[in-house]
């Protein structure tokens, strides 16, 4: 149940224990920095190639640098040319200590503060010469909602927008019914895209991005056990679908045309073929970023 405290921006919470993991796979370089000095530490370690794209990944609740999602991102971008990868570890504030519900509520209360600091970090990189047009922020679950605040802070500081924000099944509980300014949304990057995989469960039902992609209906994914998604979304099926979203998105990095998505008013219309003549675009990493609205895509044939 959402409380006003979940999104209280007046508490001045300390998030100095955020860790920044920087990877330059081309030069076999990886380092870890505290958030307070990360921008200066990275830029003083070596000259950043400003022609490369920066993939800035922010994971979700109960994450840490050694979990599967983080390793998947490392493996996915290890051999992608002309990219840097940064992974944020915010587990000092978002791990489970005590009951799950209490831990999640506490984690939500840190989202604004973490997001604002991440935005300032990216703005510091911009001040040191790294262009906004090369910054691609990718978040999963709670990390997606953090990126909403990060994009806003970056814009306020630099008067520029990062190139893209990708929300992978943004967290639903405590967000779906909150004010728009507390959610990932359009206007915070040159292009904002959201991928829905467990909408109404662990993922949000809100449609607020430039483009919202519903994969396989958007609430239950293939190979995840059947069943009704509970309101609070904490079932094995919900967790399976929520986590599958990262794997499906990551797959598109190396299979750029894998998931075609059609503009459509509902999954029923999409599944019945009534949107075949509508606008079509590519879902995933190679999304050209020129389509807006609600899109549906099937991942059949590619697995997760």
C-alpha atoms as a PDB file:
ATOM      1  CA  UNK A   1       0.000   0.000   0.000  1.00  0.00           C
ATOM      2  CA  UNK A   2       1.459   3.340  -0.992  1.00  0.00           C
ATOM      3  CA  UNK A   3       2.068   5.934   1.688  1.00  0.00           C
ATOM      4  CA  UNK A   4       3.043   9.546   1.239  1.00  0.00           C
ATOM      5  CA  UNK A   5       6.405   8.749   2.807  1.00  0.00           C
ATOM      6  CA  UNK A   6       7.341   6.504  -0.109  1.00  0.00           C
ATOM      7  CA  UNK A   7       8.105   9.531  -2.293  1.00  0.00           C
ATOM      8  CA  UNK A   8       8.991  12.115   0.331  1.00  0.00           C
ATOM      9  CA  UNK A   9      11.651  14.404  -1.161  1.00  0.00           C
ATOM     10  CA  UNK A  10      12.291  16.427   1.999  1.00  0.00           C
ATOM     11  CA  UNK A  11      14.245  13.888   4.052  1.00  0.00           C
ATOM     12  CA  UNK A  12      17.722  14.590   2.602  1.00  0.00           C
ATOM     13  CA  UNK A  13      18.631  10.910   2.770  1.00  0.00           C
ATOM     14  CA  UNK A  14      22.306  10.014   2.501  1.00  0.00           C
ATOM     15  CA  UNK A  15      23.156   7.729  -0.436  1.00  0.00           C
ATOM     16  CA  UNK A  16      26.935   8.108  -0.371  1.00  0.00           C
ATOM     17  CA  UNK A  17      27.446   4.335  -0.321  1.00  0.00           C
ATOM     18  CA  UNK A  18      26.381   4.004  -3.963  1.00  0.00           C
ATOM     19  CA  UNK A  19      29.062   2.187  -5.955  1.00  0.00           C
ATOM     20  CA  UNK A  20      29.904   2.823  -9.608  1.00  0.00           C
ATOM     21  CA  UNK A  21      31.345  -0.085 -11.604  1.00  0.00           C
ATOM     22  CA  UNK A  22      33.010   1.081 -14.825  1.00  0.00           C
ATOM     23  CA  UNK A  23      33.870  -1.320 -17.676  1.00  0.00           C
ATOM     24  CA  UNK A  24      35.972  -0.681 -20.766  1.00  0.00           C
ATOM     25  CA  UNK A  25      36.009  -4.161 -22.259  1.00  0.00           C
ATOM     26  CA  UNK A  26      38.041  -3.131 -25.309  1.00  0.00           C
ATOM     27  CA  UNK A  27      41.010  -2.204 -23.128  1.00  0.00           C
ATOM     28  CA  UNK A  28      40.308  -4.818 -20.434  1.00  0.00           C
ATOM     29  CA  UNK A  29      39.762  -2.079 -17.886  1.00  0.00           C
ATOM     30  CA  UNK A  30      37.313  -2.199 -15.009  1.00  0.00           C
ATOM     31  CA  UNK A  31      37.245  -0.229 -11.802  1.00  0.00           C
ATOM     32  CA  UNK A  32      34.940   0.534  -8.885  1.00  0.00           C
ATOM     33  CA  UNK A  33      34.422   4.018  -7.504  1.00  0.00           C
ATOM     34  CA  UNK A  34      32.296   5.659  -4.806  1.00  0.00           C
ATOM     35  CA  UNK A  35      29.572   7.824  -6.333  1.00  0.00           C
ATOM     36  CA  UNK A  36      30.959  11.030  -4.791  1.00  0.00           C
ATOM     37  CA  UNK A  37      34.211  10.923  -6.780  1.00  0.00           C
ATOM     38  CA  UNK A  38      33.316   8.563  -9.626  1.00  0.00           C
ATOM     39  CA  UNK A  39      33.116  11.128 -12.439  1.00  0.00           C
ATOM     40  CA  UNK A  40      36.478  12.686 -11.657  1.00  0.00           C
ATOM     41  CA  UNK A  41      38.065   9.293 -10.910  1.00  0.00           C
ATOM     42  CA  UNK A  42      36.917   7.828 -14.235  1.00  0.00           C
ATOM     43  CA  UNK A  43      37.979  10.799 -16.318  1.00  0.00           C
ATOM     44  CA  UNK A  44      41.353  11.088 -14.573  1.00  0.00           C
ATOM     45  CA  UNK A  45      42.120   7.380 -15.001  1.00  0.00           C
ATOM     46  CA  UNK A  46      42.248   7.682 -18.772  1.00  0.00           C
ATOM     47  CA  UNK A  47      40.833   9.719 -21.627  1.00  0.00           C
ATOM     48  CA  UNK A  48      37.234   8.783 -22.352  1.00  0.00           C
ATOM     49  CA  UNK A  49      36.513   8.221 -26.024  1.00  0.00           C
ATOM     50  CA  UNK A  50      33.597  10.605 -26.555  1.00  0.00           C
ATOM     51  CA  UNK A  51      32.597   8.806 -29.761  1.00  0.00           C
ATOM     52  CA  UNK A  52      31.605   5.724 -27.783  1.00  0.00           C
ATOM     53  CA  UNK A  53      28.163   5.083 -26.318  1.00  0.00           C
ATOM     54  CA  UNK A  54      27.831   4.812 -22.556  1.00  0.00           C
ATOM     55  CA  UNK A  55      25.432   2.117 -21.364  1.00  0.00           C
ATOM     56  CA  UNK A  56      24.407   3.146 -17.855  1.00  0.00           C
ATOM     57  CA  UNK A  57      22.612   0.268 -16.119  1.00  0.00           C
ATOM     58  CA  UNK A  58      20.633   0.659 -12.900  1.00  0.00           C
ATOM     59  CA  UNK A  59      19.162  -2.612 -11.545  1.00  0.00           C
ATOM     60  CA  UNK A  60      16.190  -3.128  -9.259  1.00  0.00           C
ATOM     61  CA  UNK A  61      15.185  -4.170  -5.757  1.00  0.00           C
ATOM     62  CA  UNK A  62      17.387  -6.785  -4.030  1.00  0.00           C
ATOM     63  CA  UNK A  63      20.130  -6.362  -6.634  1.00  0.00           C
ATOM     64  CA  UNK A  64      23.888  -6.207  -6.165  1.00  0.00           C
ATOM     65  CA  UNK A  65      26.873  -6.289  -8.487  1.00  0.00           C
ATOM     66  CA  UNK A  66      27.157 -10.100  -8.290  1.00  0.00           C
ATOM     67  CA  UNK A  67      23.557 -10.928  -9.212  1.00  0.00           C
ATOM     68  CA  UNK A  68      22.381 -12.404 -12.505  1.00  0.00           C
ATOM     69  CA  UNK A  69      21.062  -9.221 -14.092  1.00  0.00           C
ATOM     70  CA  UNK A  70      24.374  -7.436 -13.615  1.00  0.00           C
ATOM     71  CA  UNK A  71      26.324 -10.388 -15.012  1.00  0.00           C
ATOM     72  CA  UNK A  72      23.949 -10.572 -17.969  1.00  0.00           C
ATOM     73  CA  UNK A  73      24.676  -6.936 -18.795  1.00  0.00           C
ATOM     74  CA  UNK A  74      28.412  -7.527 -18.573  1.00  0.00           C
ATOM     75  CA  UNK A  75      28.219 -10.543 -20.860  1.00  0.00           C
ATOM     76  CA  UNK A  76      25.854  -8.783 -23.275  1.00  0.00           C
ATOM     77  CA  UNK A  77      28.028  -5.715 -23.808  1.00  0.00           C
ATOM     78  CA  UNK A  78      31.415  -7.406 -23.487  1.00  0.00           C
ATOM     79  CA  UNK A  79      31.827  -7.644 -27.256  1.00  0.00           C
ATOM     80  CA  UNK A  80      29.697  -4.704 -28.407  1.00  0.00           C
ATOM     81  CA  UNK A  81      32.075  -2.276 -30.132  1.00  0.00           C
ATOM     82  CA  UNK A  82      32.332   1.396 -29.256  1.00  0.00           C
ATOM     83  CA  UNK A  83      30.625   1.174 -25.882  1.00  0.00           C
ATOM     84  CA  UNK A  84      31.418   1.690 -22.229  1.00  0.00           C
ATOM     85  CA  UNK A  85      29.343   0.047 -19.512  1.00  0.00           C
ATOM     86  CA  UNK A  86      28.581   1.418 -16.074  1.00  0.00           C
ATOM     87  CA  UNK A  87      26.605  -0.611 -13.518  1.00  0.00           C
ATOM     88  CA  UNK A  88      25.313   0.987 -10.336  1.00  0.00           C
ATOM     89  CA  UNK A  89      25.224  -0.989  -7.092  1.00  0.00           C
ATOM     90  CA  UNK A  90      22.671   0.566  -4.730  1.00  0.00           C
ATOM     91  CA  UNK A  91      22.300  -2.528  -2.533  1.00  0.00           C
ATOM     92  CA  UNK A  92      23.296  -0.584   0.582  1.00  0.00           C
ATOM     93  CA  UNK A  93      19.811   0.950   0.427  1.00  0.00           C
ATOM     94  CA  UNK A  94      17.694  -1.594  -1.450  1.00  0.00           C
ATOM     95  CA  UNK A  95      18.574  -5.004  -0.023  1.00  0.00           C
ATOM     96  CA  UNK A  96      16.209  -7.106   2.054  1.00  0.00           C
ATOM     97  CA  UNK A  97      16.697  -6.479   5.757  1.00  0.00           C
ATOM     98  CA  UNK A  98      13.722  -7.657   7.762  1.00  0.00           C
ATOM     99  CA  UNK A  99      10.465  -8.456   5.997  1.00  0.00           C
ATOM    100  CA  UNK A 100      10.128  -8.091   2.232  1.00  0.00           C
ATOM    101  CA  UNK A 101       7.292  -5.586   2.384  1.00  0.00           C
ATOM    102  CA  UNK A 102       9.142  -3.389   4.866  1.00  0.00           C
ATOM    103  CA  UNK A 103      12.359  -3.669   2.862  1.00  0.00           C
ATOM    104  CA  UNK A 104      10.619  -2.731  -0.367  1.00  0.00           C
ATOM    105  CA  UNK A 105       8.907   0.273   1.221  1.00  0.00           C
ATOM    106  CA  UNK A 106      12.248   1.416   2.629  1.00  0.00           C
ATOM    107  CA  UNK A 107      13.883   0.944  -0.784  1.00  0.00           C
ATOM    108  CA  UNK A 108      11.167   3.006  -2.476  1.00  0.00           C
ATOM    109  CA  UNK A 109      11.843   5.820  -0.017  1.00  0.00           C
ATOM    110  CA  UNK A 110      15.421   5.992  -1.369  1.00  0.00           C
ATOM    111  CA  UNK A 111      14.520   6.014  -5.077  1.00  0.00           C
ATOM    112  CA  UNK A 112      14.318   9.790  -5.422  1.00  0.00           C
ATOM    113  CA  UNK A 113      17.593  10.374  -3.577  1.00  0.00           C
ATOM    114  CA  UNK A 114      19.462   7.709  -5.529  1.00  0.00           C
ATOM    115  CA  UNK A 115      18.056   8.957  -8.829  1.00  0.00           C
ATOM    116  CA  UNK A 116      18.989  12.562  -8.102  1.00  0.00           C
ATOM    117  CA  UNK A 117      22.580  11.596  -7.260  1.00  0.00           C
ATOM    118  CA  UNK A 118      22.850   9.467 -10.399  1.00  0.00           C
ATOM    119  CA  UNK A 119      21.672  12.431 -12.455  1.00  0.00           C
ATOM    120  CA  UNK A 120      24.347  14.612 -10.867  1.00  0.00           C
ATOM    121  CA  UNK A 121      26.994  11.970 -11.583  1.00  0.00           C
ATOM    122  CA  UNK A 122      26.033  11.895 -15.268  1.00  0.00           C
ATOM    123  CA  UNK A 123      26.001  15.701 -15.328  1.00  0.00           C
ATOM    124  CA  UNK A 124      29.531  15.665 -13.904  1.00  0.00           C
ATOM    125  CA  UNK A 125      30.587  13.379 -16.762  1.00  0.00           C
ATOM    126  CA  UNK A 126      28.973  15.853 -19.165  1.00  0.00           C
ATOM    127  CA  UNK A 127      30.906  18.714 -17.576  1.00  0.00           C
ATOM    128  CA  UNK A 128      34.100  16.751 -18.197  1.00  0.00           C
ATOM    129  CA  UNK A 129      33.304  16.427 -21.890  1.00  0.00           C
ATOM    130  CA  UNK A 130      31.199  13.299 -22.321  1.00  0.00           C
ATOM    131  CA  UNK A 131      28.290  14.232 -24.633  1.00  0.00           C
ATOM    132  CA  UNK A 132      24.639  13.858 -23.699  1.00  0.00           C
ATOM    133  CA  UNK A 133      24.015  12.335 -27.127  1.00  0.00           C
ATOM    134  CA  UNK A 134      26.070   9.279 -26.186  1.00  0.00           C
ATOM    135  CA  UNK A 135      24.394   8.435 -22.859  1.00  0.00           C
ATOM    136  CA  UNK A 136      21.949   5.509 -22.885  1.00  0.00           C
ATOM    137  CA  UNK A 137      20.418   4.855 -19.456  1.00  0.00           C
ATOM    138  CA  UNK A 138      18.890   1.402 -18.927  1.00  0.00           C
ATOM    139  CA  UNK A 139      16.992   0.497 -15.781  1.00  0.00           C
ATOM    140  CA  UNK A 140      15.122  -2.543 -14.533  1.00  0.00           C
ATOM    141  CA  UNK A 141      12.219  -2.397 -12.079  1.00  0.00           C
ATOM    142  CA  UNK A 142      13.094   0.023  -9.265  1.00  0.00           C
ATOM    143  CA  UNK A 143      16.115   1.102 -11.318  1.00  0.00           C
ATOM    144  CA  UNK A 144      13.802   2.317 -14.081  1.00  0.00           C
ATOM    145  CA  UNK A 145      12.020   4.583 -11.634  1.00  0.00           C
ATOM    146  CA  UNK A 146      15.374   5.866 -10.361  1.00  0.00           C
ATOM    147  CA  UNK A 147      16.201   6.839 -13.933  1.00  0.00           C
ATOM    148  CA  UNK A 148      13.104   9.018 -14.066  1.00  0.00           C
ATOM    149  CA  UNK A 149      14.591  11.144 -11.293  1.00  0.00           C
ATOM    150  CA  UNK A 150      18.094  10.875 -12.801  1.00  0.00           C
ATOM    151  CA  UNK A 151      16.885  12.177 -16.159  1.00  0.00           C
ATOM    152  CA  UNK A 152      15.096  15.044 -14.467  1.00  0.00           C
ATOM    153  CA  UNK A 153      18.165  15.994 -12.390  1.00  0.00           C
ATOM    154  CA  UNK A 154      20.433  15.795 -15.442  1.00  0.00           C
ATOM    155  CA  UNK A 155      18.129  18.075 -17.407  1.00  0.00           C
ATOM    156  CA  UNK A 156      17.922  20.581 -14.557  1.00  0.00           C
ATOM    157  CA  UNK A 157      21.708  20.719 -14.184  1.00  0.00           C
ATOM    158  CA  UNK A 158      22.827  20.673 -17.825  1.00  0.00           C
ATOM    159  CA  UNK A 159      19.759  22.027 -19.679  1.00  0.00           C
ATOM    160  CA  UNK A 160      20.273  19.004 -21.950  1.00  0.00           C
ATOM    161  CA  UNK A 161      18.679  15.581 -22.101  1.00  0.00           C
ATOM    162  CA  UNK A 162      20.476  12.255 -22.183  1.00  0.00           C
ATOM    163  CA  UNK A 163      20.091  10.432 -25.485  1.00  0.00           C
ATOM    164  CA  UNK A 164      17.824   7.646 -24.266  1.00  0.00           C
ATOM    165  CA  UNK A 165      16.228   6.147 -21.175  1.00  0.00           C
ATOM    166  CA  UNK A 166      15.083   2.534 -21.406  1.00  0.00           C
ATOM    167  CA  UNK A 167      12.822   1.248 -18.654  1.00  0.00           C
ATOM    168  CA  UNK A 168      12.637  -2.540 -18.425  1.00  0.00           C
ATOM    169  CA  UNK A 169       9.427  -3.435 -16.573  1.00  0.00           C
ATOM    170  CA  UNK A 170       9.525  -0.379 -14.282  1.00  0.00           C
ATOM    171  CA  UNK A 171       8.438  -1.145 -10.726  1.00  0.00           C
ATOM    172  CA  UNK A 172       4.686  -1.053 -10.208  1.00  0.00           C
ATOM    173  CA  UNK A 173       4.012  -1.278  -6.457  1.00  0.00           C
ATOM    174  CA  UNK A 174       4.088   2.231  -4.920  1.00  0.00           C
ATOM    175  CA  UNK A 175       4.428   3.768  -8.405  1.00  0.00           C
ATOM    176  CA  UNK A 176       1.532   2.789 -10.670  1.00  0.00           C
ATOM    177  CA  UNK A 177      -0.869   5.053  -8.778  1.00  0.00           C
ATOM    178  CA  UNK A 178       1.583   7.770  -7.783  1.00  0.00           C
ATOM    179  CA  UNK A 179       1.936  11.228  -9.275  1.00  0.00           C
ATOM    180  CA  UNK A 180       3.424  11.406 -12.770  1.00  0.00           C
ATOM    181  CA  UNK A 181       6.500  13.253 -11.503  1.00  0.00           C
ATOM    182  CA  UNK A 182       7.350  10.199  -9.386  1.00  0.00           C
ATOM    183  CA  UNK A 183       7.494   7.865 -12.389  1.00  0.00           C
ATOM    184  CA  UNK A 184       9.627   7.271 -15.451  1.00  0.00           C
ATOM    185  CA  UNK A 185       8.046   9.265 -18.267  1.00  0.00           C
ATOM    186  CA  UNK A 186       8.550  11.020 -21.577  1.00  0.00           C
ATOM    187  CA  UNK A 187      10.424  14.302 -21.647  1.00  0.00           C
ATOM    188  CA  UNK A 188      13.321  13.173 -19.442  1.00  0.00           C
ATOM    189  CA  UNK A 189      15.518  12.022 -22.348  1.00  0.00           C
ATOM    190  CA  UNK A 190      15.556  12.657 -26.053  1.00  0.00           C
ATOM    191  CA  UNK A 191      13.643   9.372 -26.226  1.00  0.00           C
ATOM    192  CA  UNK A 192      12.080   7.363 -23.415  1.00  0.00           C
ATOM    193  CA  UNK A 193      10.962   3.779 -24.006  1.00  0.00           C
ATOM    194  CA  UNK A 194       9.406   1.293 -21.609  1.00  0.00           C
ATOM    195  CA  UNK A 195       9.085  -2.498 -21.938  1.00  0.00           C
ATOM    196  CA  UNK A 196       6.203  -4.085 -20.029  1.00  0.00           C
ATOM    197  CA  UNK A 197       6.447  -7.759 -19.051  1.00  0.00           C
ATOM    198  CA  UNK A 198       4.586  -8.050 -15.737  1.00  0.00           C
ATOM    199  CA  UNK A 199       2.225  -5.085 -15.826  1.00  0.00           C
ATOM    200  CA  UNK A 200      -0.117  -5.119 -12.872  1.00  0.00           C
ATOM    201  CA  UNK A 201       2.203  -7.358 -10.873  1.00  0.00           C
ATOM    202  CA  UNK A 202       5.771  -6.336 -10.118  1.00  0.00           C
ATOM    203  CA  UNK A 203       5.755  -4.026 -13.151  1.00  0.00           C
ATOM    204  CA  UNK A 204       3.853  -0.803 -13.636  1.00  0.00           C
ATOM    205  CA  UNK A 205       0.623  -0.464 -15.577  1.00  0.00           C
ATOM    206  CA  UNK A 206       1.384   3.201 -16.327  1.00  0.00           C
ATOM    207  CA  UNK A 207       1.797   4.188 -19.970  1.00  0.00           C
ATOM    208  CA  UNK A 208       3.915   7.322 -19.784  1.00  0.00           C
ATOM    209  CA  UNK A 209       6.889   6.930 -22.130  1.00  0.00           C
ATOM    210  CA  UNK A 210       7.346   8.108 -25.703  1.00  0.00           C
ATOM    211  CA  UNK A 211       6.840   4.454 -26.622  1.00  0.00           C
ATOM    212  CA  UNK A 212       5.483   1.680 -24.399  1.00  0.00           C
ATOM    213  CA  UNK A 213       6.117  -1.869 -25.607  1.00  0.00           C
ATOM    214  CA  UNK A 214       3.994  -4.721 -24.276  1.00  0.00           C
ATOM    215  CA  UNK A 215       5.842  -7.992 -24.830  1.00  0.00           C
ATOM    216  CA  UNK A 216       3.619 -11.077 -25.116  1.00  0.00           C
ATOM    217  CA  UNK A 217       0.612  -9.162 -23.766  1.00  0.00           C
ATOM    218  CA  UNK A 218       2.801  -7.467 -21.198  1.00  0.00           C
ATOM    219  CA  UNK A 219       1.803  -9.267 -18.005  1.00  0.00           C
ATOM    220  CA  UNK A 220       2.910 -12.918 -18.244  1.00  0.00           C
ATOM    221  CA  UNK A 221       5.864 -14.255 -20.194  1.00  0.00           C
ATOM    222  CA  UNK A 222       6.425 -17.599 -21.929  1.00  0.00           C
ATOM    223  CA  UNK A 223       7.853 -20.349 -19.736  1.00  0.00           C
ATOM    224  CA  UNK A 224       6.590 -18.637 -16.590  1.00  0.00           C
ATOM    225  CA  UNK A 225       4.018 -20.650 -14.668  1.00  0.00           C
ATOM    226  CA  UNK A 226       0.392 -19.772 -15.270  1.00  0.00           C
ATOM    227  CA  UNK A 227      -1.819 -18.168 -12.705  1.00  0.00           C
ATOM    228  CA  UNK A 228      -3.510 -14.950 -11.829  1.00  0.00           C
ATOM    229  CA  UNK A 229      -1.059 -12.169 -11.046  1.00  0.00           C
ATOM    230  CA  UNK A 230      -1.764 -10.961  -7.534  1.00  0.00           C
ATOM    231  CA  UNK A 231      -2.189  -7.265  -6.894  1.00  0.00           C
ATOM    232  CA  UNK A 232       1.094  -7.079  -5.004  1.00  0.00           C
ATOM    233  CA  UNK A 233       2.780  -9.237  -7.625  1.00  0.00           C
ATOM    234  CA  UNK A 234       4.913 -11.339  -5.283  1.00  0.00           C
ATOM    235  CA  UNK A 235       4.316 -14.772  -6.836  1.00  0.00           C
ATOM    236  CA  UNK A 236       6.811 -17.026  -8.566  1.00  0.00           C
ATOM    237  CA  UNK A 237       5.067 -16.361 -11.849  1.00  0.00           C
ATOM    238  CA  UNK A 238       5.275 -12.608 -11.392  1.00  0.00           C
ATOM    239  CA  UNK A 239       8.955 -12.738 -10.469  1.00  0.00           C
ATOM    240  CA  UNK A 240       9.661 -14.995 -13.443  1.00  0.00           C
ATOM    241  CA  UNK A 241       7.959 -12.629 -15.902  1.00  0.00           C
ATOM    242  CA  UNK A 242       9.554  -9.571 -14.294  1.00  0.00           C
ATOM    243  CA  UNK A 243      13.066 -11.030 -14.594  1.00  0.00           C
ATOM    244  CA  UNK A 244      12.442 -12.381 -18.104  1.00  0.00           C
ATOM    245  CA  UNK A 245      12.131  -8.795 -19.314  1.00  0.00           C
ATOM    246  CA  UNK A 246      15.872  -8.185 -18.884  1.00  0.00           C
ATOM    247  CA  UNK A 247      16.777 -11.351 -20.761  1.00  0.00           C
ATOM    248  CA  UNK A 248      14.461 -10.513 -23.646  1.00  0.00           C
ATOM    249  CA  UNK A 249      15.764  -6.973 -23.954  1.00  0.00           C
ATOM    250  CA  UNK A 250      19.397  -8.105 -23.692  1.00  0.00           C
ATOM    251  CA  UNK A 251      18.829 -10.641 -26.464  1.00  0.00           C
ATOM    252  CA  UNK A 252      18.001  -7.816 -28.871  1.00  0.00           C
ATOM    253  CA  UNK A 253      21.491  -6.335 -28.498  1.00  0.00           C
ATOM    254  CA  UNK A 254      22.807  -9.121 -30.726  1.00  0.00           C
ATOM    255  CA  UNK A 255      19.539  -9.849 -32.574  1.00  0.00           C
ATOM    256  CA  UNK A 256      18.518  -6.333 -33.619  1.00  0.00           C
ATOM    257  CA  UNK A 257      15.458  -7.293 -35.659  1.00  0.00           C
ATOM    258  CA  UNK A 258      14.215 -10.061 -33.382  1.00  0.00           C
ATOM    259  CA  UNK A 259      11.109  -8.368 -32.057  1.00  0.00           C
ATOM    260  CA  UNK A 260       8.956  -6.350 -34.405  1.00  0.00           C
ATOM    261  CA  UNK A 261       6.273  -4.312 -32.659  1.00  0.00           C
ATOM    262  CA  UNK A 262       2.995  -3.003 -34.036  1.00  0.00           C
ATOM    263  CA  UNK A 263       1.075   0.039 -32.916  1.00  0.00           C
ATOM    264  CA  UNK A 264      -2.162  -1.307 -31.482  1.00  0.00           C
ATOM    265  CA  UNK A 265      -4.923  -0.396 -29.066  1.00  0.00           C
ATOM    266  CA  UNK A 266      -5.027  -3.757 -27.283  1.00  0.00           C
ATOM    267  CA  UNK A 267      -3.381  -7.151 -27.107  1.00  0.00           C
ATOM    268  CA  UNK A 268      -6.614  -8.759 -28.277  1.00  0.00           C
ATOM    269  CA  UNK A 269      -6.556  -6.719 -31.486  1.00  0.00           C
ATOM    270  CA  UNK A 270      -2.843  -7.454 -31.927  1.00  0.00           C
ATOM    271  CA  UNK A 271      -3.239 -11.205 -31.388  1.00  0.00           C
ATOM    272  CA  UNK A 272      -6.151 -11.333 -33.832  1.00  0.00           C
ATOM    273  CA  UNK A 273      -4.068  -9.658 -36.534  1.00  0.00           C
ATOM    274  CA  UNK A 274      -6.159  -6.506 -36.685  1.00  0.00           C
ATOM    275  CA  UNK A 275      -3.111  -4.243 -36.339  1.00  0.00           C
ATOM    276  CA  UNK A 276      -1.040  -5.767 -39.155  1.00  0.00           C
ATOM    277  CA  UNK A 277      -1.467  -2.664 -41.310  1.00  0.00           C
ATOM    278  CA  UNK A 278      -0.518  -0.280 -38.488  1.00  0.00           C
ATOM    279  CA  UNK A 279       2.822   1.388 -37.840  1.00  0.00           C
ATOM    280  CA  UNK A 280       5.605  -1.111 -37.136  1.00  0.00           C
ATOM    281  CA  UNK A 281       8.937  -0.552 -35.426  1.00  0.00           C
ATOM    282  CA  UNK A 282      11.788  -2.531 -33.875  1.00  0.00           C
ATOM    283  CA  UNK A 283      11.531  -3.286 -30.167  1.00  0.00           C
ATOM    284  CA  UNK A 284      14.696  -3.537 -28.098  1.00  0.00           C
ATOM    285  CA  UNK A 285      18.219  -2.161 -28.251  1.00  0.00           C
ATOM    286  CA  UNK A 286      17.991  -1.206 -31.935  1.00  0.00           C
ATOM    287  CA  UNK A 287      14.687   0.642 -31.628  1.00  0.00           C
ATOM    288  CA  UNK A 288      15.244   3.620 -33.978  1.00  0.00           C
ATOM    289  CA  UNK A 289      13.533   5.957 -31.536  1.00  0.00           C
ATOM    290  CA  UNK A 290      11.136   7.594 -33.974  1.00  0.00           C
ATOM    291  CA  UNK A 291       7.924   5.789 -33.033  1.00  0.00           C
ATOM    292  CA  UNK A 292       5.559   6.950 -30.306  1.00  0.00           C
ATOM    293  CA  UNK A 293       2.546   5.359 -28.659  1.00  0.00           C
ATOM    294  CA  UNK A 294       1.627   1.863 -27.488  1.00  0.00           C
ATOM    295  CA  UNK A 295       3.100  -1.146 -29.284  1.00  0.00           C
ATOM    296  CA  UNK A 296       2.719  -4.902 -28.969  1.00  0.00           C
ATOM    297  CA  UNK A 297       5.341  -7.511 -29.829  1.00  0.00           C
ATOM    298  CA  UNK A 298       5.627 -11.272 -29.687  1.00  0.00           C
ATOM    299  CA  UNK A 299       8.908 -12.967 -28.794  1.00  0.00           C
ATOM    300  CA  UNK A 300       7.813 -16.332 -30.188  1.00  0.00           C
ATOM    301  CA  UNK A 301      10.645 -18.165 -31.908  1.00  0.00           C
ATOM    302  CA  UNK A 302      13.431 -16.448 -30.019  1.00  0.00           C
ATOM    303  CA  UNK A 303      12.931 -17.714 -26.482  1.00  0.00           C
ATOM    304  CA  UNK A 304      13.952 -15.827 -23.379  1.00  0.00           C
END
